[in-house]
Each structure stands twice: as C-alpha cells, then as structure tokens.
Protein backbone atom coordinates (compact mmCIF):
# COMPACT_ATOMS: atom_id res chain seq x y z
CA MET A 1 8.55 61.13 20.73
CA LEU A 2 5.76 61.75 17.87
CA THR A 3 2.37 63.77 18.47
CA PHE A 4 -0.41 65.44 16.81
CA GLY A 5 0.61 69.23 15.66
CA PRO A 6 -0.95 71.84 18.43
CA GLU A 7 -3.94 71.75 16.34
CA GLY A 8 -4.52 68.21 17.24
CA GLN A 9 -4.07 66.99 13.82
CA THR A 10 -8.11 67.70 12.94
CA PHE A 11 -9.13 69.65 15.56
CA HIS A 12 -9.90 66.86 18.39
CA GLU A 13 -10.15 68.23 21.64
CA ASP A 14 -8.93 65.37 22.94
CA HIS A 15 -5.92 65.20 20.47
CA ILE A 16 -5.06 68.94 21.09
CA ALA A 17 -4.18 67.96 25.07
CA VAL A 18 -2.53 64.56 24.23
CA SER A 19 -0.19 67.34 22.03
CA ARG A 20 0.15 69.78 25.15
CA TRP A 21 0.92 67.02 27.22
CA THR A 22 3.14 65.64 25.21
CA THR A 23 4.98 68.53 24.43
CA LEU A 24 5.27 70.06 28.02
CA ALA A 25 6.11 65.85 28.79
CA CYS A 26 9.39 66.36 26.77
CA ARG A 27 10.52 69.98 27.84
CA GLN A 28 10.93 68.96 30.99
CA ALA A 29 12.19 65.96 30.37
CA ASP A 30 15.77 65.16 32.11
CA HIS A 31 17.19 63.95 28.70
CA ASP A 32 16.18 65.95 25.35
CA PRO A 33 14.08 64.01 23.39
CA ARG A 34 13.39 64.50 20.16
CA LEU A 35 9.75 65.63 19.51
CA LEU A 36 8.07 65.28 15.96
CA TYR A 37 4.69 66.29 15.00
CA ALA A 38 2.72 64.76 12.62
CA VAL A 39 1.86 66.86 9.44
CA MET A 40 -0.69 66.20 6.50
CA THR A 41 0.81 67.24 3.30
CA PRO A 42 -1.35 69.13 0.58
CA GLU A 43 -0.93 66.16 -1.21
CA TRP A 44 -2.02 63.33 0.97
CA ILE A 45 -5.23 65.97 1.76
CA GLY A 46 -5.86 65.66 -2.06
CA ALA A 47 -5.29 61.97 -2.08
CA ILE A 48 -7.51 61.39 1.45
CA GLY A 49 -10.31 64.13 0.40
CA GLU A 50 -10.89 61.22 -3.09
CA LEU A 51 -11.48 58.64 -0.32
CA VAL A 52 -13.32 60.11 2.95
CA ASP A 53 -15.48 63.24 2.82
CA LEU A 54 -13.05 65.88 4.88
CA ASP A 55 -16.11 67.64 6.59
CA GLN A 56 -16.58 64.25 7.99
CA MET A 57 -12.60 63.61 8.99
CA MET A 58 -12.20 67.29 10.66
CA MET A 59 -13.84 67.59 14.29
CA VAL A 60 -14.83 71.59 13.74
CA PRO A 61 -17.39 72.16 10.88
CA GLY A 62 -16.07 74.31 8.48
CA VAL A 63 -12.14 74.20 9.38
CA GLU A 64 -9.74 73.27 6.52
CA PRO A 65 -7.52 70.70 7.26
CA PRO A 66 -3.88 72.08 8.23
CA THR A 67 -0.97 71.31 6.60
CA THR A 68 2.25 71.71 5.32
CA THR A 69 3.24 74.37 3.15
C-alpha cells in the first residue's frame, strides 16, 4: 500500500487525512500489508524547484518541503 507520509507530502489537509486513513486501515487489516510512504528526496526537490515555484506547490505558506535525509 502506498500513501502520503504523515505530513501529507505538501501539508494538504486531504493528503494528511488520506495518510491517516490508509495507515489505520493497514494496522487493522487481517493480513500484514506492506505500507509505504511516498517521499521526496532533496535531489527531487531541487529538480522540481527549477520548474515550479515551491511556494505554489506547498499547501502551507512558508513551510519547507519534507524530504528524506
């Protein structure tokens, strides 16, 4: 199962809700599903930042995009 990370990737309220619902569903499943969270690497942020204004991509003004470290 692939979903947004807990921060919703762009801090969008709907993305955060989907992450919570998916995480809870996986925890409550009768089987043991593999739960994966989508992430953005610093390299990806740099590349997309050349094409799109990151302030337009993030849903909360002034926050830095969450990345892997």
